[in-house]
Amino acid sequence: MPTTLVTGCNRGIGLQIVTQLHARGDDVIGVCRHASSELRLSGIRIIDGIDVSSGESVAKLKAQLGDEVIDVLINNAGILRRDAFGELDYDSMLEQYAVNALGPLRVTEALAGNLQDGSKVAIVSSRVGSIEDNGSGGNWGYRASKTAVNMIGTNLMHELRPRGIAVALLHPGLVATDMTGNTGISTAESARGLIARIDELTMENTGGFWHAEGYTLPW
């Protein structure tokens, strides 16, 4: 029974990921800032009070885990702040960078000792971080943070490859959540796709940028 740790799981895609993993028998650890009532009813282990943008907070996560082996680390926590050229809030952009880009790096670095040969690291990125795929502009802070995390994920691939740890960057699709104004596919469908991609992750395809539906995305 693999042990999977998922950040940002109090609602939306993250809640569906932990629910589906728990239902199939995985040992799931849910990490979040504030546990929702739905998360508390899921039956998984919960470590709340964790902000992935805070070094002190992530150190507390590491202390609670100790030396427990993590087979799959899913960096799902993220935020979206709407913005527009001419009215850009640079503090908001930095906040998105701290959570969306540095958060996965901070968590993965802190828990690197909990990973072993055969472990996997997944980062929920977004196709809006693709430079080649940008056909509309906008979402300045969010786009930039996701482009940055794609580079971070690629660096992690190189860093962790010698240890036999595979890394994937994953786009969940356009999902009906608070972040998208409830437009798109269901969180359950997205989570199924993300879990399938993580299950397929190996040292042969490590470092890829994948859509939840299974095809690769341009950088």
N, C-alpha and C. Protein backbone atom coordinates (compact mmCIF):
# COMPACT_ATOMS: atom_id res chain seq x y z
N MET A 1 0.85 -1.19 0.00
CA MET A 1 0.00 0.00 0.00
C MET A 1 0.89 1.24 0.00
N PRO A 2 0.92 2.00 -1.12
CA PRO A 2 1.80 3.17 -1.18
C PRO A 2 1.31 4.30 -0.29
N THR A 3 2.25 5.08 0.19
CA THR A 3 1.93 6.27 0.97
C THR A 3 2.05 7.49 0.07
N THR A 4 0.95 8.24 -0.06
CA THR A 4 0.90 9.40 -0.94
C THR A 4 0.59 10.64 -0.12
N LEU A 5 1.38 11.68 -0.29
CA LEU A 5 1.14 12.96 0.38
C LEU A 5 0.68 13.97 -0.66
N VAL A 6 -0.41 14.66 -0.36
CA VAL A 6 -1.00 15.62 -1.28
C VAL A 6 -1.16 16.96 -0.58
N THR A 7 -0.62 18.03 -1.18
CA THR A 7 -0.82 19.37 -0.62
C THR A 7 -2.05 20.02 -1.25
N GLY A 8 -2.61 21.00 -0.55
CA GLY A 8 -3.74 21.75 -1.09
C GLY A 8 -4.96 20.88 -1.33
N CYS A 9 -5.34 20.08 -0.32
CA CYS A 9 -6.38 19.06 -0.54
C CYS A 9 -7.68 19.35 0.20
N ASN A 10 -7.86 20.56 0.67
CA ASN A 10 -9.07 20.84 1.46
C ASN A 10 -10.33 20.99 0.60
N ARG A 11 -10.14 21.19 -0.72
CA ARG A 11 -11.29 21.34 -1.61
C ARG A 11 -10.84 21.08 -3.05
N GLY A 12 -11.79 21.16 -3.98
CA GLY A 12 -11.47 21.11 -5.40
C GLY A 12 -10.77 19.85 -5.84
N ILE A 13 -9.81 20.02 -6.74
CA ILE A 13 -9.09 18.89 -7.31
C ILE A 13 -8.37 18.10 -6.23
N GLY A 14 -7.72 18.80 -5.31
CA GLY A 14 -6.97 18.12 -4.27
C GLY A 14 -7.83 17.22 -3.42
N LEU A 15 -9.02 17.69 -3.08
CA LEU A 15 -9.95 16.87 -2.28
C LEU A 15 -10.35 15.62 -3.05
N GLN A 16 -10.58 15.77 -4.34
CA GLN A 16 -10.93 14.60 -5.16
C GLN A 16 -9.77 13.62 -5.28
N ILE A 17 -8.56 14.15 -5.40
CA ILE A 17 -7.39 13.26 -5.49
C ILE A 17 -7.27 12.40 -4.24
N VAL A 18 -7.34 13.03 -3.07
CA VAL A 18 -7.17 12.24 -1.85
C VAL A 18 -8.33 11.28 -1.65
N THR A 19 -9.52 11.69 -2.03
CA THR A 19 -10.70 10.83 -1.88
C THR A 19 -10.57 9.58 -2.75
N GLN A 20 -10.16 9.78 -4.01
CA GLN A 20 -10.04 8.65 -4.92
C GLN A 20 -8.88 7.74 -4.55
N LEU A 21 -7.77 8.31 -4.12
CA LEU A 21 -6.64 7.48 -3.70
C LEU A 21 -6.99 6.66 -2.46
N HIS A 22 -7.67 7.29 -1.51
CA HIS A 22 -8.08 6.58 -0.30
C HIS A 22 -9.05 5.44 -0.64
N ALA A 23 -9.95 5.70 -1.59
CA ALA A 23 -10.95 4.70 -1.96
C ALA A 23 -10.31 3.46 -2.58
N ARG A 24 -9.18 3.63 -3.24
CA ARG A 24 -8.53 2.47 -3.85
C ARG A 24 -7.54 1.79 -2.91
N GLY A 25 -7.39 2.32 -1.69
CA GLY A 25 -6.60 1.65 -0.69
C GLY A 25 -5.25 2.24 -0.38
N ASP A 26 -4.91 3.39 -1.00
CA ASP A 26 -3.63 4.04 -0.69
C ASP A 26 -3.66 4.62 0.72
N ASP A 27 -2.49 4.70 1.33
CA ASP A 27 -2.33 5.41 2.59
C ASP A 27 -2.10 6.87 2.22
N VAL A 28 -3.05 7.73 2.54
CA VAL A 28 -3.02 9.11 2.05
C VAL A 28 -2.83 10.09 3.21
N ILE A 29 -1.91 11.03 2.99
CA ILE A 29 -1.68 12.12 3.93
C ILE A 29 -2.08 13.41 3.24
N GLY A 30 -3.08 14.09 3.77
CA GLY A 30 -3.53 15.35 3.20
C GLY A 30 -2.95 16.52 3.96
N VAL A 31 -2.33 17.44 3.22
CA VAL A 31 -1.69 18.61 3.82
C VAL A 31 -2.39 19.86 3.33
N CYS A 32 -2.74 20.75 4.25
CA CYS A 32 -3.45 21.97 3.86
C CYS A 32 -3.30 23.02 4.94
N ARG A 33 -3.77 24.22 4.64
CA ARG A 33 -3.77 25.29 5.64
C ARG A 33 -4.92 25.11 6.62
N HIS A 34 -6.11 24.90 6.07
CA HIS A 34 -7.30 24.75 6.91
C HIS A 34 -8.11 23.56 6.39
N ALA A 35 -8.29 22.55 7.20
CA ALA A 35 -9.03 21.36 6.77
C ALA A 35 -10.53 21.66 6.71
N SER A 36 -11.13 21.37 5.56
CA SER A 36 -12.57 21.55 5.40
C SER A 36 -13.31 20.39 6.05
N SER A 37 -14.61 20.56 6.23
CA SER A 37 -15.41 19.48 6.81
C SER A 37 -15.42 18.28 5.88
N GLU A 38 -15.42 18.53 4.55
CA GLU A 38 -15.39 17.42 3.59
C GLU A 38 -14.09 16.62 3.72
N LEU A 39 -12.98 17.34 3.90
CA LEU A 39 -11.71 16.65 4.05
C LEU A 39 -11.69 15.82 5.33
N ARG A 40 -12.22 16.35 6.41
CA ARG A 40 -12.22 15.63 7.68
C ARG A 40 -13.08 14.36 7.61
N LEU A 41 -14.03 14.33 6.71
CA LEU A 41 -14.89 13.15 6.55
C LEU A 41 -14.30 12.13 5.57
N SER A 42 -13.17 12.47 4.95
CA SER A 42 -12.61 11.61 3.90
C SER A 42 -11.97 10.34 4.42
N GLY A 43 -11.57 10.33 5.70
CA GLY A 43 -10.95 9.15 6.27
C GLY A 43 -9.44 9.10 6.12
N ILE A 44 -8.83 10.13 5.55
CA ILE A 44 -7.38 10.12 5.38
C ILE A 44 -6.71 10.77 6.59
N ARG A 45 -5.39 10.63 6.66
CA ARG A 45 -4.61 11.36 7.66
C ARG A 45 -4.49 12.82 7.22
N ILE A 46 -4.62 13.73 8.15
CA ILE A 46 -4.58 15.15 7.81
C ILE A 46 -3.51 15.85 8.63
N ILE A 47 -2.71 16.65 7.95
CA ILE A 47 -1.78 17.57 8.61
C ILE A 47 -2.17 18.96 8.15
N ASP A 48 -2.84 19.71 9.02
CA ASP A 48 -3.27 21.05 8.61
C ASP A 48 -2.41 22.11 9.29
N GLY A 49 -2.72 23.36 9.00
CA GLY A 49 -1.92 24.46 9.50
C GLY A 49 -0.61 24.64 8.74
N ILE A 50 -0.54 24.08 7.51
CA ILE A 50 0.68 24.14 6.72
C ILE A 50 0.49 25.08 5.53
N ASP A 51 1.34 26.09 5.44
CA ASP A 51 1.36 27.04 4.33
C ASP A 51 2.62 26.74 3.52
N VAL A 52 2.46 26.28 2.26
CA VAL A 52 3.61 25.85 1.47
C VAL A 52 4.53 27.00 1.09
N SER A 53 4.08 28.24 1.27
CA SER A 53 4.92 29.39 0.95
C SER A 53 5.79 29.82 2.13
N SER A 54 5.66 29.13 3.26
CA SER A 54 6.39 29.48 4.47
C SER A 54 7.41 28.41 4.83
N GLY A 55 8.67 28.81 4.93
CA GLY A 55 9.70 27.86 5.32
C GLY A 55 9.48 27.30 6.71
N GLU A 56 9.07 28.14 7.64
CA GLU A 56 8.81 27.69 9.00
C GLU A 56 7.67 26.67 9.03
N SER A 57 6.63 26.93 8.23
CA SER A 57 5.47 26.04 8.19
C SER A 57 5.85 24.69 7.60
N VAL A 58 6.61 24.70 6.51
CA VAL A 58 7.01 23.45 5.87
C VAL A 58 7.96 22.66 6.77
N ALA A 59 8.77 23.37 7.56
CA ALA A 59 9.63 22.68 8.53
C ALA A 59 8.79 21.93 9.56
N LYS A 60 7.64 22.48 9.93
CA LYS A 60 6.73 21.80 10.85
C LYS A 60 6.17 20.53 10.21
N LEU A 61 5.87 20.62 8.91
CA LEU A 61 5.41 19.43 8.18
C LEU A 61 6.46 18.33 8.24
N LYS A 62 7.70 18.70 7.95
CA LYS A 62 8.78 17.72 7.99
C LYS A 62 8.92 17.12 9.39
N ALA A 63 8.82 17.94 10.40
CA ALA A 63 8.95 17.44 11.78
C ALA A 63 7.85 16.44 12.12
N GLN A 64 6.63 16.70 11.63
CA GLN A 64 5.53 15.78 11.91
C GLN A 64 5.69 14.45 11.17
N LEU A 65 6.29 14.49 10.00
CA LEU A 65 6.47 13.27 9.23
C LEU A 65 7.66 12.45 9.72
N GLY A 66 8.65 13.14 10.28
CA GLY A 66 9.86 12.43 10.71
C GLY A 66 10.53 11.76 9.53
N ASP A 67 10.82 10.46 9.67
CA ASP A 67 11.49 9.70 8.61
C ASP A 67 10.53 8.84 7.80
N GLU A 68 9.23 9.08 7.92
CA GLU A 68 8.26 8.26 7.20
C GLU A 68 8.51 8.33 5.69
N VAL A 69 8.49 7.18 5.05
CA VAL A 69 8.73 7.11 3.61
C VAL A 69 7.50 7.60 2.85
N ILE A 70 7.73 8.48 1.87
CA ILE A 70 6.67 8.96 0.99
C ILE A 70 6.91 8.35 -0.39
N ASP A 71 5.96 7.56 -0.86
CA ASP A 71 6.09 6.94 -2.17
C ASP A 71 5.69 7.89 -3.30
N VAL A 72 4.68 8.71 -3.06
CA VAL A 72 4.24 9.68 -4.06
C VAL A 72 3.98 11.01 -3.37
N LEU A 73 4.62 12.05 -3.89
CA LEU A 73 4.42 13.40 -3.38
C LEU A 73 3.71 14.20 -4.47
N ILE A 74 2.50 14.67 -4.18
CA ILE A 74 1.72 15.44 -5.15
C ILE A 74 1.63 16.88 -4.66
N ASN A 75 2.33 17.77 -5.35
CA ASN A 75 2.31 19.19 -5.03
C ASN A 75 1.14 19.83 -5.78
N ASN A 76 0.03 19.95 -5.10
CA ASN A 76 -1.21 20.45 -5.72
C ASN A 76 -1.58 21.86 -5.27
N ALA A 77 -1.09 22.31 -4.13
CA ALA A 77 -1.50 23.62 -3.60
C ALA A 77 -1.20 24.73 -4.60
N GLY A 78 -2.16 25.62 -4.80
CA GLY A 78 -1.97 26.73 -5.72
C GLY A 78 -3.03 27.79 -5.54
N ILE A 79 -2.73 29.00 -6.02
CA ILE A 79 -3.68 30.09 -5.95
C ILE A 79 -3.72 30.82 -7.29
N LEU A 80 -4.85 31.44 -7.59
CA LEU A 80 -5.02 32.26 -8.79
C LEU A 80 -5.58 33.61 -8.38
N ARG A 81 -4.89 34.66 -8.76
CA ARG A 81 -5.36 36.02 -8.53
C ARG A 81 -5.57 36.69 -9.89
N ARG A 82 -6.76 37.11 -10.18
CA ARG A 82 -7.05 37.75 -11.47
C ARG A 82 -6.34 39.10 -11.54
N ASP A 83 -5.84 39.43 -12.75
CA ASP A 83 -5.16 40.72 -12.91
C ASP A 83 -5.30 41.20 -14.35
N ALA A 84 -4.95 42.43 -14.57
CA ALA A 84 -5.05 43.03 -15.90
C ALA A 84 -3.96 44.08 -16.07
N PHE A 85 -3.42 44.15 -17.28
CA PHE A 85 -2.36 45.11 -17.58
C PHE A 85 -2.88 46.53 -17.36
N GLY A 86 -2.07 47.33 -16.69
CA GLY A 86 -2.47 48.68 -16.34
C GLY A 86 -2.98 48.78 -14.92
N GLU A 87 -3.32 47.62 -14.35
CA GLU A 87 -3.81 47.58 -12.97
C GLU A 87 -3.14 46.44 -12.20
N LEU A 88 -1.91 46.12 -12.57
CA LEU A 88 -1.25 44.97 -11.98
C LEU A 88 -0.87 45.22 -10.52
N ASP A 89 -1.13 44.22 -9.70
CA ASP A 89 -0.77 44.24 -8.29
C ASP A 89 0.45 43.34 -8.14
N TYR A 90 1.62 43.94 -8.00
CA TYR A 90 2.85 43.16 -8.00
C TYR A 90 3.02 42.34 -6.72
N ASP A 91 2.45 42.81 -5.64
CA ASP A 91 2.48 42.00 -4.42
C ASP A 91 1.66 40.72 -4.61
N SER A 92 0.54 40.83 -5.33
CA SER A 92 -0.28 39.66 -5.62
C SER A 92 0.47 38.70 -6.54
N MET A 93 1.22 39.25 -7.49
CA MET A 93 2.01 38.41 -8.38
C MET A 93 3.07 37.64 -7.60
N LEU A 94 3.70 38.34 -6.65
CA LEU A 94 4.72 37.68 -5.82
C LEU A 94 4.10 36.60 -4.94
N GLU A 95 2.88 36.85 -4.45
CA GLU A 95 2.19 35.85 -3.64
C GLU A 95 1.94 34.58 -4.46
N GLN A 96 1.51 34.74 -5.70
CA GLN A 96 1.28 33.58 -6.56
C GLN A 96 2.58 32.84 -6.84
N TYR A 97 3.65 33.58 -7.05
CA TYR A 97 4.96 32.96 -7.28
C TYR A 97 5.39 32.17 -6.05
N ALA A 98 5.18 32.75 -4.86
CA ALA A 98 5.59 32.08 -3.62
C ALA A 98 4.85 30.77 -3.42
N VAL A 99 3.57 30.74 -3.75
CA VAL A 99 2.77 29.53 -3.55
C VAL A 99 2.93 28.55 -4.71
N ASN A 100 2.73 29.05 -5.93
CA ASN A 100 2.64 28.16 -7.10
C ASN A 100 3.99 27.65 -7.59
N ALA A 101 5.03 28.46 -7.47
CA ALA A 101 6.34 28.07 -7.97
C ALA A 101 7.26 27.60 -6.86
N LEU A 102 7.45 28.46 -5.85
CA LEU A 102 8.38 28.10 -4.78
C LEU A 102 7.79 27.08 -3.82
N GLY A 103 6.46 27.03 -3.69
CA GLY A 103 5.82 26.07 -2.79
C GLY A 103 6.20 24.63 -3.10
N PRO A 104 6.02 24.17 -4.35
CA PRO A 104 6.41 22.80 -4.66
C PRO A 104 7.90 22.52 -4.44
N LEU A 105 8.74 23.52 -4.73
CA LEU A 105 10.17 23.34 -4.50
C LEU A 105 10.47 23.25 -3.01
N ARG A 106 9.84 24.12 -2.24
CA ARG A 106 10.07 24.14 -0.80
C ARG A 106 9.66 22.81 -0.16
N VAL A 107 8.50 22.31 -0.55
CA VAL A 107 8.00 21.05 0.01
C VAL A 107 8.87 19.87 -0.42
N THR A 108 9.22 19.84 -1.70
CA THR A 108 10.01 18.72 -2.21
C THR A 108 11.40 18.70 -1.60
N GLU A 109 12.01 19.87 -1.46
CA GLU A 109 13.33 19.92 -0.84
C GLU A 109 13.27 19.48 0.62
N ALA A 110 12.25 19.95 1.33
CA ALA A 110 12.13 19.61 2.75
C ALA A 110 11.89 18.11 2.95
N LEU A 111 11.16 17.49 2.03
CA LEU A 111 10.80 16.08 2.18
C LEU A 111 11.68 15.16 1.33
N ALA A 112 12.76 15.68 0.78
CA ALA A 112 13.63 14.87 -0.08
C ALA A 112 14.14 13.64 0.65
N GLY A 113 14.40 13.76 1.94
CA GLY A 113 14.87 12.62 2.72
C GLY A 113 13.82 11.56 2.95
N ASN A 114 12.54 11.92 2.74
CA ASN A 114 11.45 10.95 2.89
C ASN A 114 11.21 10.16 1.61
N LEU A 115 11.81 10.63 0.51
CA LEU A 115 11.66 9.95 -0.77
C LEU A 115 12.75 8.90 -0.92
N GLN A 116 12.45 7.86 -1.68
CA GLN A 116 13.40 6.77 -1.87
C GLN A 116 13.38 6.34 -3.33
N ASP A 117 14.28 5.42 -3.68
CA ASP A 117 14.31 4.86 -5.03
C ASP A 117 12.92 4.32 -5.38
N GLY A 118 12.35 4.81 -6.47
CA GLY A 118 11.01 4.39 -6.88
C GLY A 118 9.92 5.37 -6.50
N SER A 119 10.23 6.35 -5.65
CA SER A 119 9.24 7.37 -5.30
C SER A 119 8.96 8.26 -6.53
N LYS A 120 7.84 8.99 -6.46
CA LYS A 120 7.45 9.88 -7.55
C LYS A 120 7.09 11.25 -6.98
N VAL A 121 7.38 12.29 -7.76
CA VAL A 121 7.00 13.65 -7.41
C VAL A 121 6.17 14.21 -8.55
N ALA A 122 4.96 14.65 -8.25
CA ALA A 122 4.09 15.27 -9.24
C ALA A 122 3.81 16.71 -8.84
N ILE A 123 3.84 17.59 -9.83
CA ILE A 123 3.52 19.00 -9.61
C ILE A 123 2.33 19.35 -10.49
N VAL A 124 1.24 19.81 -9.88
CA VAL A 124 0.09 20.26 -10.66
C VAL A 124 0.41 21.66 -11.16
N SER A 125 0.78 21.72 -12.42
CA SER A 125 1.10 22.98 -13.07
C SER A 125 -0.13 23.44 -13.86
N SER A 126 0.07 24.03 -15.02
CA SER A 126 -1.03 24.44 -15.88
C SER A 126 -0.50 24.72 -17.27
N ARG A 127 -1.31 24.45 -18.29
CA ARG A 127 -0.88 24.75 -19.65
C ARG A 127 -0.76 26.25 -19.88
N VAL A 128 -1.35 27.08 -19.01
CA VAL A 128 -1.18 28.53 -19.17
C VAL A 128 0.26 28.93 -18.87
N GLY A 129 1.05 28.03 -18.30
CA GLY A 129 2.46 28.28 -18.10
C GLY A 129 3.30 27.99 -19.33
N SER A 130 2.68 27.43 -20.37
CA SER A 130 3.39 27.13 -21.60
C SER A 130 3.60 28.41 -22.41
N ILE A 131 4.83 28.72 -22.75
CA ILE A 131 5.13 29.90 -23.56
C ILE A 131 4.62 29.70 -24.98
N GLU A 132 4.87 28.52 -25.53
CA GLU A 132 4.45 28.24 -26.91
C GLU A 132 2.93 28.23 -27.05
N ASP A 133 2.23 27.81 -26.02
CA ASP A 133 0.78 27.65 -26.08
C ASP A 133 0.02 28.93 -25.73
N ASN A 134 0.73 29.99 -25.38
CA ASN A 134 0.07 31.22 -24.97
C ASN A 134 -0.49 31.96 -26.18
N GLY A 135 -1.79 31.81 -26.38
CA GLY A 135 -2.42 32.46 -27.52
C GLY A 135 -3.35 33.59 -27.16
N SER A 136 -3.40 33.94 -25.86
CA SER A 136 -4.36 34.97 -25.45
C SER A 136 -3.80 36.00 -24.50
N GLY A 137 -2.66 35.72 -23.85
CA GLY A 137 -2.13 36.66 -22.85
C GLY A 137 -2.97 36.66 -21.59
N GLY A 138 -2.80 37.70 -20.78
CA GLY A 138 -3.55 37.83 -19.54
C GLY A 138 -3.02 36.94 -18.44
N ASN A 139 -3.71 37.00 -17.28
CA ASN A 139 -3.32 36.20 -16.11
C ASN A 139 -1.82 36.28 -15.86
N TRP A 140 -1.33 37.50 -15.74
CA TRP A 140 0.11 37.76 -15.69
C TRP A 140 0.81 37.01 -14.57
N GLY A 141 0.33 37.18 -13.37
CA GLY A 141 0.99 36.54 -12.24
C GLY A 141 0.86 35.04 -12.26
N TYR A 142 -0.32 34.55 -12.60
CA TYR A 142 -0.56 33.10 -12.61
C TYR A 142 0.26 32.43 -13.70
N ARG A 143 0.23 32.99 -14.91
CA ARG A 143 1.01 32.42 -16.01
C ARG A 143 2.49 32.35 -15.65
N ALA A 144 3.02 33.46 -15.15
CA ALA A 144 4.45 33.51 -14.85
C ALA A 144 4.82 32.50 -13.76
N SER A 145 3.94 32.34 -12.77
CA SER A 145 4.24 31.39 -11.69
C SER A 145 4.24 29.96 -12.20
N LYS A 146 3.37 29.66 -13.15
CA LYS A 146 3.30 28.29 -13.68
C LYS A 146 4.46 28.02 -14.66
N THR A 147 4.87 29.05 -15.39
CA THR A 147 6.07 28.88 -16.22
C THR A 147 7.28 28.61 -15.32
N ALA A 148 7.36 29.34 -14.22
CA ALA A 148 8.47 29.15 -13.28
C ALA A 148 8.46 27.75 -12.68
N VAL A 149 7.29 27.25 -12.32
CA VAL A 149 7.26 25.91 -11.69
C VAL A 149 7.58 24.82 -12.71
N ASN A 150 7.32 25.08 -14.00
CA ASN A 150 7.74 24.11 -15.01
C ASN A 150 9.26 24.00 -15.05
N MET A 151 9.95 25.13 -14.93
CA MET A 151 11.42 25.09 -14.87
C MET A 151 11.89 24.42 -13.59
N ILE A 152 11.24 24.72 -12.48
CA ILE A 152 11.59 24.10 -11.21
C ILE A 152 11.40 22.58 -11.28
N GLY A 153 10.30 22.14 -11.88
CA GLY A 153 10.06 20.72 -12.03
C GLY A 153 11.10 20.04 -12.90
N THR A 154 11.54 20.74 -13.95
CA THR A 154 12.58 20.18 -14.81
C THR A 154 13.90 20.08 -14.05
N ASN A 155 14.21 21.09 -13.26
CA ASN A 155 15.41 21.02 -12.41
C ASN A 155 15.32 19.86 -11.42
N LEU A 156 14.14 19.68 -10.83
CA LEU A 156 13.95 18.57 -9.89
C LEU A 156 14.15 17.22 -10.58
N MET A 157 13.71 17.14 -11.84
CA MET A 157 13.93 15.91 -12.60
C MET A 157 15.41 15.58 -12.65
N HIS A 158 16.24 16.58 -12.97
CA HIS A 158 17.68 16.35 -13.03
C HIS A 158 18.25 16.03 -11.64
N GLU A 159 17.77 16.72 -10.63
CA GLU A 159 18.27 16.55 -9.26
C GLU A 159 17.96 15.16 -8.71
N LEU A 160 16.74 14.68 -8.99
CA LEU A 160 16.27 13.45 -8.37
C LEU A 160 16.50 12.20 -9.22
N ARG A 161 16.82 12.38 -10.49
CA ARG A 161 17.03 11.23 -11.37
C ARG A 161 18.08 10.24 -10.83
N PRO A 162 19.23 10.73 -10.32
CA PRO A 162 20.23 9.79 -9.83
C PRO A 162 19.74 8.93 -8.66
N ARG A 163 18.71 9.38 -7.97
CA ARG A 163 18.17 8.62 -6.85
C ARG A 163 17.02 7.70 -7.27
N GLY A 164 16.70 7.67 -8.56
CA GLY A 164 15.63 6.81 -9.04
C GLY A 164 14.25 7.36 -8.73
N ILE A 165 14.14 8.69 -8.63
CA ILE A 165 12.86 9.35 -8.32
C ILE A 165 12.38 10.09 -9.56
N ALA A 166 11.19 9.76 -10.04
CA ALA A 166 10.63 10.36 -11.25
C ALA A 166 9.79 11.59 -10.92
N VAL A 167 9.76 12.54 -11.86
CA VAL A 167 9.06 13.81 -11.67
C VAL A 167 8.13 14.06 -12.86
N ALA A 168 6.92 14.55 -12.59
CA ALA A 168 5.99 14.90 -13.66
C ALA A 168 5.38 16.26 -13.40
N LEU A 169 5.19 17.02 -14.47
CA LEU A 169 4.45 18.28 -14.43
C LEU A 169 3.12 18.03 -15.12
N LEU A 170 2.03 18.36 -14.44
CA LEU A 170 0.71 17.94 -14.90
C LEU A 170 -0.27 19.11 -15.00
N HIS A 171 -0.99 19.14 -16.12
CA HIS A 171 -2.07 20.12 -16.31
C HIS A 171 -3.39 19.41 -16.05
N PRO A 172 -4.20 19.92 -15.13
CA PRO A 172 -5.42 19.20 -14.75
C PRO A 172 -6.58 19.35 -15.72
N GLY A 173 -6.42 20.19 -16.75
CA GLY A 173 -7.53 20.51 -17.63
C GLY A 173 -8.26 21.75 -17.13
N LEU A 174 -9.24 22.20 -17.90
CA LEU A 174 -10.10 23.30 -17.44
C LEU A 174 -11.14 22.69 -16.51
N VAL A 175 -10.99 22.97 -15.23
CA VAL A 175 -11.78 22.27 -14.22
C VAL A 175 -12.74 23.24 -13.54
N ALA A 176 -13.94 22.80 -13.31
CA ALA A 176 -14.97 23.63 -12.67
C ALA A 176 -14.69 23.75 -11.17
N THR A 177 -13.95 24.81 -10.81
CA THR A 177 -13.64 25.10 -9.41
C THR A 177 -13.87 26.59 -9.16
N ASP A 178 -13.65 27.01 -7.92
CA ASP A 178 -13.75 28.43 -7.61
C ASP A 178 -12.75 29.24 -8.43
N MET A 179 -11.60 28.64 -8.75
CA MET A 179 -10.56 29.35 -9.49
C MET A 179 -10.98 29.67 -10.92
N THR A 180 -11.87 28.84 -11.51
CA THR A 180 -12.27 29.02 -12.90
C THR A 180 -13.69 29.53 -13.04
N GLY A 181 -14.30 29.92 -11.93
CA GLY A 181 -15.69 30.35 -12.00
C GLY A 181 -16.62 29.20 -12.28
N ASN A 182 -16.22 27.99 -11.85
CA ASN A 182 -17.02 26.77 -12.02
C ASN A 182 -17.30 26.45 -13.49
N THR A 183 -16.31 26.72 -14.34
CA THR A 183 -16.39 26.40 -15.76
C THR A 183 -15.44 25.26 -16.07
N GLY A 184 -15.94 24.21 -16.74
CA GLY A 184 -15.06 23.13 -17.16
C GLY A 184 -15.53 21.77 -16.70
N ILE A 185 -14.60 20.80 -16.74
CA ILE A 185 -14.92 19.43 -16.35
C ILE A 185 -15.03 19.32 -14.83
N SER A 186 -15.54 18.21 -14.35
CA SER A 186 -15.67 18.03 -12.91
C SER A 186 -14.32 17.78 -12.27
N THR A 187 -14.23 18.11 -10.99
CA THR A 187 -12.99 17.83 -10.25
C THR A 187 -12.72 16.33 -10.19
N ALA A 188 -13.77 15.53 -10.15
CA ALA A 188 -13.60 14.07 -10.10
C ALA A 188 -12.95 13.56 -11.38
N GLU A 189 -13.40 14.07 -12.53
CA GLU A 189 -12.83 13.65 -13.80
C GLU A 189 -11.37 14.07 -13.91
N SER A 190 -11.09 15.30 -13.52
CA SER A 190 -9.71 15.79 -13.55
C SER A 190 -8.81 14.95 -12.66
N ALA A 191 -9.26 14.68 -11.45
CA ALA A 191 -8.47 13.88 -10.51
C ALA A 191 -8.19 12.49 -11.06
N ARG A 192 -9.16 11.88 -11.70
CA ARG A 192 -8.94 10.55 -12.29
C ARG A 192 -7.82 10.60 -13.33
N GLY A 193 -7.82 11.65 -14.15
CA GLY A 193 -6.78 11.79 -15.15
C GLY A 193 -5.41 12.02 -14.54
N LEU A 194 -5.35 12.88 -13.53
CA LEU A 194 -4.07 13.15 -12.87
C LEU A 194 -3.51 11.90 -12.21
N ILE A 195 -4.36 11.16 -11.53
CA ILE A 195 -3.92 9.93 -10.87
C ILE A 195 -3.41 8.92 -11.91
N ALA A 196 -4.09 8.83 -13.05
CA ALA A 196 -3.65 7.91 -14.11
C ALA A 196 -2.27 8.29 -14.63
N ARG A 197 -2.04 9.59 -14.79
CA ARG A 197 -0.73 10.04 -15.29
C ARG A 197 0.37 9.74 -14.27
N ILE A 198 0.06 9.91 -13.00
CA ILE A 198 1.05 9.62 -11.94
C ILE A 198 1.33 8.13 -11.88
N ASP A 199 0.29 7.32 -12.04
CA ASP A 199 0.49 5.87 -12.06
C ASP A 199 1.41 5.46 -13.21
N GLU A 200 1.34 6.17 -14.33
CA GLU A 200 2.13 5.84 -15.52
C GLU A 200 3.55 6.42 -15.46
N LEU A 201 3.82 7.26 -14.47
CA LEU A 201 5.12 7.92 -14.38
C LEU A 201 6.22 6.92 -14.05
N THR A 202 7.30 6.95 -14.85
CA THR A 202 8.44 6.07 -14.64
C THR A 202 9.72 6.87 -14.86
N MET A 203 10.85 6.24 -14.67
CA MET A 203 12.13 6.88 -14.94
C MET A 203 12.33 7.07 -16.44
N GLU A 204 11.58 6.36 -17.26
CA GLU A 204 11.69 6.51 -18.71
C GLU A 204 11.00 7.77 -19.20
N ASN A 205 9.92 8.20 -18.56
CA ASN A 205 9.22 9.41 -19.01
C ASN A 205 9.31 10.55 -18.00
N THR A 206 10.23 10.45 -17.05
CA THR A 206 10.38 11.51 -16.06
C THR A 206 10.68 12.86 -16.72
N GLY A 207 10.15 13.91 -16.11
CA GLY A 207 10.40 15.27 -16.60
C GLY A 207 9.42 15.77 -17.63
N GLY A 208 8.40 14.97 -17.95
CA GLY A 208 7.43 15.38 -18.97
C GLY A 208 6.41 16.38 -18.45
N PHE A 209 5.80 17.11 -19.39
CA PHE A 209 4.73 18.07 -19.11
C PHE A 209 3.48 17.51 -19.77
N TRP A 210 2.57 17.01 -18.96
CA TRP A 210 1.45 16.21 -19.45
C TRP A 210 0.10 16.85 -19.15
N HIS A 211 -0.81 16.71 -20.11
CA HIS A 211 -2.23 17.00 -19.85
C HIS A 211 -2.80 15.82 -19.10
N ALA A 212 -3.78 16.08 -18.23
CA ALA A 212 -4.41 14.98 -17.48
C ALA A 212 -5.01 13.93 -18.40
N GLU A 213 -5.34 14.32 -19.64
CA GLU A 213 -5.92 13.37 -20.58
C GLU A 213 -4.88 12.44 -21.19
N GLY A 214 -3.59 12.75 -20.99
CA GLY A 214 -2.56 11.79 -21.39
C GLY A 214 -1.61 12.23 -22.48
N TYR A 215 -1.81 13.41 -23.06
CA TYR A 215 -0.89 13.86 -24.11
C TYR A 215 0.07 14.92 -23.57
N THR A 216 1.22 15.02 -24.24
CA THR A 216 2.23 15.97 -23.79
C THR A 216 1.88 17.38 -24.24
N LEU A 217 2.36 18.34 -23.48
CA LEU A 217 2.11 19.75 -23.76
C LEU A 217 3.44 20.43 -24.13
N PRO A 218 3.38 21.48 -24.94
CA PRO A 218 4.60 22.20 -25.30
C PRO A 218 5.07 23.08 -24.14
N TRP A 219 6.36 23.31 -24.08
CA TRP A 219 6.91 24.15 -23.03
C TRP A 219 6.67 25.63 -23.32
